[in-house]
Amino acid sequence: MNRLTSALMLSVLCITSLATLANEHKLNPATGLIDATGHNMVAAHCTACHSAKLISQNQMSRERWLETIRWMQSTQKLWPLGDAEPVILDYLTTWYGPKTQSRRAPIPAHLMPKESD
């Protein structure tokens, strides 16, 4: 297999993977956040004061999200969330929780292009 064929196969694999990921986790067009249970609560309470980008760029544990909410309540005038708080925490932890791996796995050797002589 030559380098062009290998590169083409890798491109197809990447495009297929991206399409699968996009179908599994659709983004809400208005916020750019993952459109799943709890999204509406997060959009209503969180994006009233700041961009959704501030949410999506973070990956925190449930405890850290709760600490952040408490900090916003004590210093930034965030209102009490009441019954919405567990829904918001569930959403944030599920979709914007800590990453177990921040880089993709290495490409297996058998998928790498062969060195030409």
N, C-alpha and C. Protein backbone atom coordinates (compact mmCIF):
# COMPACT_ATOMS: atom_id res chain seq x y z
N MET A 1 0.85 -1.17 0.00
CA MET A 1 0.00 0.00 0.00
C MET A 1 0.91 1.24 0.00
N ASN A 2 0.67 2.17 -0.91
CA ASN A 2 1.51 3.35 -0.97
C ASN A 2 1.00 4.43 -0.01
N ARG A 3 1.75 5.49 0.12
CA ARG A 3 1.41 6.56 1.07
C ARG A 3 0.10 7.25 0.72
N LEU A 4 -0.17 7.45 -0.55
CA LEU A 4 -1.41 8.10 -0.96
C LEU A 4 -2.61 7.26 -0.56
N THR A 5 -2.53 5.97 -0.80
CA THR A 5 -3.63 5.08 -0.42
C THR A 5 -3.81 5.07 1.09
N SER A 6 -2.71 5.02 1.82
CA SER A 6 -2.79 5.04 3.29
C SER A 6 -3.40 6.34 3.79
N ALA A 7 -2.98 7.44 3.21
CA ALA A 7 -3.52 8.74 3.61
C ALA A 7 -5.01 8.84 3.30
N LEU A 8 -5.41 8.32 2.14
CA LEU A 8 -6.82 8.33 1.76
C LEU A 8 -7.64 7.48 2.71
N MET A 9 -7.14 6.31 3.06
CA MET A 9 -7.86 5.44 3.99
C MET A 9 -7.97 6.09 5.37
N LEU A 10 -6.92 6.73 5.82
CA LEU A 10 -6.95 7.40 7.11
C LEU A 10 -7.95 8.56 7.09
N SER A 11 -8.01 9.29 5.99
CA SER A 11 -8.97 10.39 5.86
C SER A 11 -10.40 9.89 5.93
N VAL A 12 -10.68 8.79 5.23
CA VAL A 12 -12.02 8.21 5.25
C VAL A 12 -12.37 7.76 6.66
N LEU A 13 -11.43 7.13 7.34
CA LEU A 13 -11.64 6.67 8.71
C LEU A 13 -11.95 7.85 9.63
N CYS A 14 -11.20 8.93 9.50
CA CYS A 14 -11.43 10.13 10.33
C CYS A 14 -12.80 10.74 10.06
N ILE A 15 -13.17 10.87 8.80
CA ILE A 15 -14.47 11.45 8.45
C ILE A 15 -15.60 10.58 8.98
N THR A 16 -15.46 9.27 8.85
CA THR A 16 -16.48 8.35 9.36
C THR A 16 -16.59 8.47 10.87
N SER A 17 -15.46 8.55 11.55
CA SER A 17 -15.47 8.69 13.02
C SER A 17 -16.13 9.99 13.45
N LEU A 18 -15.82 11.08 12.75
CA LEU A 18 -16.43 12.37 13.08
C LEU A 18 -17.94 12.35 12.84
N ALA A 19 -18.36 11.72 11.77
CA ALA A 19 -19.80 11.64 11.48
C ALA A 19 -20.51 10.82 12.56
N THR A 20 -19.90 9.74 12.99
CA THR A 20 -20.48 8.91 14.05
C THR A 20 -20.58 9.71 15.34
N LEU A 21 -19.52 10.41 15.70
CA LEU A 21 -19.51 11.22 16.92
C LEU A 21 -20.58 12.31 16.85
N ALA A 22 -20.71 12.95 15.71
CA ALA A 22 -21.72 14.00 15.57
C ALA A 22 -23.13 13.44 15.74
N ASN A 23 -23.38 12.24 15.25
CA ASN A 23 -24.69 11.63 15.40
C ASN A 23 -24.97 11.21 16.83
N GLU A 24 -23.94 10.77 17.55
CA GLU A 24 -24.11 10.33 18.93
C GLU A 24 -24.38 11.50 19.87
N HIS A 25 -23.73 12.63 19.63
CA HIS A 25 -23.83 13.79 20.51
C HIS A 25 -24.13 15.03 19.69
N LYS A 26 -25.38 15.25 19.42
CA LYS A 26 -25.77 16.43 18.63
C LYS A 26 -25.62 17.68 19.47
N LEU A 27 -25.13 18.73 18.85
CA LEU A 27 -24.99 20.01 19.52
C LEU A 27 -26.22 20.85 19.27
N ASN A 28 -26.63 21.57 20.27
CA ASN A 28 -27.74 22.50 20.12
C ASN A 28 -27.24 23.68 19.31
N PRO A 29 -27.91 24.03 18.22
CA PRO A 29 -27.41 25.12 17.37
C PRO A 29 -27.39 26.48 18.06
N ALA A 30 -28.27 26.70 19.02
CA ALA A 30 -28.32 28.01 19.69
C ALA A 30 -27.19 28.18 20.71
N THR A 31 -26.81 27.10 21.39
CA THR A 31 -25.81 27.22 22.45
C THR A 31 -24.47 26.59 22.10
N GLY A 32 -24.47 25.60 21.23
CA GLY A 32 -23.24 24.87 20.94
C GLY A 32 -22.94 23.81 21.98
N LEU A 33 -23.85 23.62 22.94
CA LEU A 33 -23.68 22.59 23.96
C LEU A 33 -24.37 21.31 23.50
N ILE A 34 -23.97 20.19 24.07
CA ILE A 34 -24.57 18.92 23.73
C ILE A 34 -26.05 18.95 24.08
N ASP A 35 -26.87 18.57 23.11
CA ASP A 35 -28.32 18.62 23.27
C ASP A 35 -28.79 17.31 23.88
N ALA A 36 -28.94 17.32 25.20
CA ALA A 36 -29.34 16.12 25.94
C ALA A 36 -30.17 16.57 27.14
N THR A 37 -30.68 15.61 27.89
CA THR A 37 -31.47 15.91 29.07
C THR A 37 -30.71 16.88 29.98
N GLY A 38 -31.36 17.95 30.35
CA GLY A 38 -30.74 18.97 31.21
C GLY A 38 -30.23 20.18 30.45
N HIS A 39 -30.12 20.05 29.12
CA HIS A 39 -29.60 21.17 28.32
C HIS A 39 -30.43 22.44 28.53
N ASN A 40 -31.75 22.31 28.52
CA ASN A 40 -32.60 23.49 28.65
C ASN A 40 -32.39 24.20 29.98
N MET A 41 -32.21 23.43 31.05
CA MET A 41 -31.95 24.03 32.37
C MET A 41 -30.61 24.77 32.37
N VAL A 42 -29.60 24.14 31.81
CA VAL A 42 -28.27 24.77 31.75
C VAL A 42 -28.34 26.03 30.90
N ALA A 43 -29.01 25.95 29.76
CA ALA A 43 -29.13 27.12 28.89
C ALA A 43 -29.86 28.26 29.61
N ALA A 44 -30.92 27.92 30.33
CA ALA A 44 -31.71 28.96 31.01
C ALA A 44 -30.96 29.60 32.16
N HIS A 45 -30.29 28.78 32.96
CA HIS A 45 -29.65 29.31 34.16
C HIS A 45 -28.22 29.79 33.92
N CYS A 46 -27.48 29.11 33.10
CA CYS A 46 -26.05 29.42 32.96
C CYS A 46 -25.76 30.46 31.88
N THR A 47 -26.42 30.33 30.73
CA THR A 47 -26.11 31.26 29.65
C THR A 47 -26.83 32.60 29.80
N ALA A 48 -27.59 32.74 30.89
CA ALA A 48 -28.18 34.05 31.17
C ALA A 48 -27.09 35.06 31.52
N CYS A 49 -25.97 34.55 32.05
CA CYS A 49 -24.88 35.45 32.49
C CYS A 49 -23.60 35.31 31.68
N HIS A 50 -23.35 34.14 31.11
CA HIS A 50 -22.11 33.97 30.36
C HIS A 50 -22.30 33.05 29.17
N SER A 51 -21.32 33.05 28.32
CA SER A 51 -21.34 32.25 27.10
C SER A 51 -21.32 30.76 27.42
N ALA A 52 -21.94 29.99 26.56
CA ALA A 52 -21.90 28.54 26.69
C ALA A 52 -20.48 28.01 26.48
N LYS A 53 -19.65 28.78 25.82
CA LYS A 53 -18.25 28.39 25.61
C LYS A 53 -17.54 28.22 26.95
N LEU A 54 -17.92 29.02 27.93
CA LEU A 54 -17.31 28.91 29.25
C LEU A 54 -17.61 27.55 29.86
N ILE A 55 -18.74 26.98 29.53
CA ILE A 55 -19.11 25.65 30.02
C ILE A 55 -18.35 24.59 29.23
N SER A 56 -18.42 24.68 27.92
CA SER A 56 -17.86 23.61 27.07
C SER A 56 -16.34 23.52 27.14
N GLN A 57 -15.67 24.57 27.56
CA GLN A 57 -14.21 24.50 27.65
C GLN A 57 -13.73 23.93 28.97
N ASN A 58 -14.65 23.62 29.87
CA ASN A 58 -14.28 23.05 31.17
C ASN A 58 -14.68 21.59 31.26
N GLN A 59 -13.93 20.85 32.04
CA GLN A 59 -14.23 19.45 32.33
C GLN A 59 -14.01 19.27 33.83
N MET A 60 -15.09 19.34 34.59
CA MET A 60 -14.95 19.28 36.04
C MET A 60 -15.77 18.14 36.62
N SER A 61 -15.36 17.70 37.79
CA SER A 61 -16.13 16.69 38.53
C SER A 61 -17.41 17.34 39.05
N ARG A 62 -18.34 16.51 39.49
CA ARG A 62 -19.59 17.02 40.05
C ARG A 62 -19.29 17.96 41.23
N GLU A 63 -18.35 17.56 42.08
CA GLU A 63 -18.00 18.38 43.25
C GLU A 63 -17.43 19.73 42.82
N ARG A 64 -16.60 19.72 41.79
CA ARG A 64 -16.00 20.98 41.32
C ARG A 64 -17.05 21.86 40.64
N TRP A 65 -17.98 21.26 39.88
CA TRP A 65 -19.07 22.06 39.30
C TRP A 65 -19.90 22.69 40.42
N LEU A 66 -20.18 21.91 41.47
CA LEU A 66 -20.96 22.45 42.59
C LEU A 66 -20.21 23.58 43.28
N GLU A 67 -18.90 23.43 43.49
CA GLU A 67 -18.09 24.50 44.08
C GLU A 67 -18.15 25.75 43.21
N THR A 68 -18.12 25.57 41.91
CA THR A 68 -18.18 26.70 40.98
C THR A 68 -19.53 27.39 41.07
N ILE A 69 -20.60 26.61 41.15
CA ILE A 69 -21.94 27.19 41.31
C ILE A 69 -22.01 27.98 42.61
N ARG A 70 -21.51 27.39 43.69
CA ARG A 70 -21.53 28.09 45.00
C ARG A 70 -20.71 29.37 44.95
N TRP A 71 -19.58 29.34 44.26
CA TRP A 71 -18.77 30.55 44.11
C TRP A 71 -19.55 31.62 43.34
N MET A 72 -20.21 31.22 42.27
CA MET A 72 -21.01 32.18 41.49
C MET A 72 -22.16 32.73 42.33
N GLN A 73 -22.74 31.90 43.18
CA GLN A 73 -23.83 32.36 44.05
C GLN A 73 -23.32 33.35 45.10
N SER A 74 -22.14 33.10 45.63
CA SER A 74 -21.64 33.98 46.70
C SER A 74 -20.95 35.24 46.17
N THR A 75 -20.43 35.19 44.95
CA THR A 75 -19.69 36.36 44.45
C THR A 75 -20.23 37.01 43.18
N GLN A 76 -21.03 36.25 42.40
CA GLN A 76 -21.47 36.76 41.10
C GLN A 76 -22.98 36.95 40.99
N LYS A 77 -23.68 36.84 42.11
CA LYS A 77 -25.12 37.05 42.18
C LYS A 77 -25.95 36.00 41.44
N LEU A 78 -25.42 34.78 41.35
CA LEU A 78 -26.22 33.70 40.79
C LEU A 78 -27.31 33.36 41.80
N TRP A 79 -28.52 33.24 41.33
CA TRP A 79 -29.69 32.95 42.16
C TRP A 79 -29.68 31.49 42.63
N PRO A 80 -30.45 31.16 43.65
CA PRO A 80 -30.59 29.76 44.06
C PRO A 80 -31.22 28.95 42.92
N LEU A 81 -30.68 27.78 42.65
CA LEU A 81 -31.14 26.97 41.53
C LEU A 81 -32.28 26.03 41.90
N GLY A 82 -32.50 25.81 43.19
CA GLY A 82 -33.61 24.98 43.64
C GLY A 82 -33.60 23.59 43.03
N ASP A 83 -34.75 23.15 42.56
CA ASP A 83 -34.89 21.81 41.98
C ASP A 83 -34.10 21.64 40.68
N ALA A 84 -33.70 22.74 40.07
CA ALA A 84 -32.92 22.66 38.83
C ALA A 84 -31.46 22.26 39.11
N GLU A 85 -30.99 22.47 40.33
CA GLU A 85 -29.57 22.22 40.61
C GLU A 85 -29.13 20.79 40.33
N PRO A 86 -29.84 19.75 40.82
CA PRO A 86 -29.37 18.39 40.50
C PRO A 86 -29.43 18.07 39.01
N VAL A 87 -30.40 18.62 38.30
CA VAL A 87 -30.51 18.39 36.85
C VAL A 87 -29.31 19.04 36.15
N ILE A 88 -28.97 20.24 36.56
CA ILE A 88 -27.83 20.96 35.98
C ILE A 88 -26.53 20.22 36.29
N LEU A 89 -26.37 19.79 37.53
CA LEU A 89 -25.16 19.06 37.90
C LEU A 89 -25.04 17.73 37.16
N ASP A 90 -26.16 17.03 36.98
CA ASP A 90 -26.15 15.77 36.22
C ASP A 90 -25.69 16.03 34.78
N TYR A 91 -26.25 17.06 34.17
CA TYR A 91 -25.89 17.40 32.78
C TYR A 91 -24.41 17.77 32.68
N LEU A 92 -23.97 18.68 33.54
CA LEU A 92 -22.58 19.14 33.48
C LEU A 92 -21.60 18.01 33.72
N THR A 93 -21.91 17.15 34.68
CA THR A 93 -21.02 16.04 34.99
C THR A 93 -20.99 15.01 33.87
N THR A 94 -22.15 14.73 33.29
CA THR A 94 -22.23 13.74 32.22
C THR A 94 -21.51 14.20 30.97
N TRP A 95 -21.75 15.42 30.55
CA TRP A 95 -21.25 15.90 29.26
C TRP A 95 -19.99 16.73 29.35
N TYR A 96 -19.73 17.34 30.49
CA TYR A 96 -18.56 18.20 30.64
C TYR A 96 -17.81 17.85 31.92
N GLY A 97 -17.77 16.54 32.19
CA GLY A 97 -17.04 16.02 33.34
C GLY A 97 -15.57 15.83 32.99
N PRO A 98 -14.80 15.33 33.95
CA PRO A 98 -13.37 15.12 33.70
C PRO A 98 -13.14 14.14 32.55
N LYS A 99 -12.14 14.42 31.76
CA LYS A 99 -11.77 13.53 30.66
C LYS A 99 -10.89 12.42 31.22
N THR A 100 -11.11 11.21 30.72
CA THR A 100 -10.25 10.12 31.12
C THR A 100 -9.00 10.07 30.25
N GLN A 101 -9.10 10.65 29.07
CA GLN A 101 -7.97 10.69 28.15
C GLN A 101 -8.12 11.95 27.32
N SER A 102 -7.07 12.74 27.23
CA SER A 102 -7.18 14.00 26.51
C SER A 102 -6.65 13.92 25.08
N ARG A 103 -5.96 12.85 24.76
CA ARG A 103 -5.47 12.68 23.39
C ARG A 103 -6.02 11.39 22.82
N ARG A 104 -6.11 11.34 21.53
CA ARG A 104 -6.56 10.11 20.89
C ARG A 104 -5.49 9.04 21.11
N ALA A 105 -5.90 7.80 21.00
CA ALA A 105 -4.95 6.69 21.13
C ALA A 105 -4.00 6.71 19.94
N PRO A 106 -2.78 6.23 20.12
CA PRO A 106 -1.85 6.18 18.99
C PRO A 106 -2.41 5.32 17.86
N ILE A 107 -2.04 5.65 16.65
CA ILE A 107 -2.47 4.87 15.49
C ILE A 107 -1.72 3.53 15.53
N PRO A 108 -2.43 2.42 15.41
CA PRO A 108 -1.75 1.11 15.44
C PRO A 108 -0.73 1.00 14.31
N ALA A 109 0.36 0.30 14.59
CA ALA A 109 1.46 0.18 13.63
C ALA A 109 0.99 -0.37 12.28
N HIS A 110 0.04 -1.31 12.29
CA HIS A 110 -0.40 -1.92 11.03
C HIS A 110 -1.20 -0.93 10.16
N LEU A 111 -1.61 0.19 10.73
CA LEU A 111 -2.33 1.21 9.94
C LEU A 111 -1.41 2.34 9.47
N MET A 112 -0.19 2.32 9.94
CA MET A 112 0.77 3.36 9.55
C MET A 112 1.30 3.07 8.14
N PRO A 113 1.64 4.13 7.40
CA PRO A 113 2.21 3.92 6.06
C PRO A 113 3.55 3.19 6.15
N LYS A 114 3.81 2.36 5.18
CA LYS A 114 5.08 1.64 5.11
C LYS A 114 6.17 2.59 4.63
N GLU A 115 7.33 2.44 5.20
CA GLU A 115 8.48 3.23 4.75
C GLU A 115 8.89 2.76 3.36
N SER A 116 9.16 3.69 2.46
CA SER A 116 9.61 3.29 1.13
C SER A 116 11.12 3.12 1.15
N ASP A 117 11.61 2.17 0.37
CA ASP A 117 13.05 1.88 0.33
C ASP A 117 13.78 2.85 -0.52
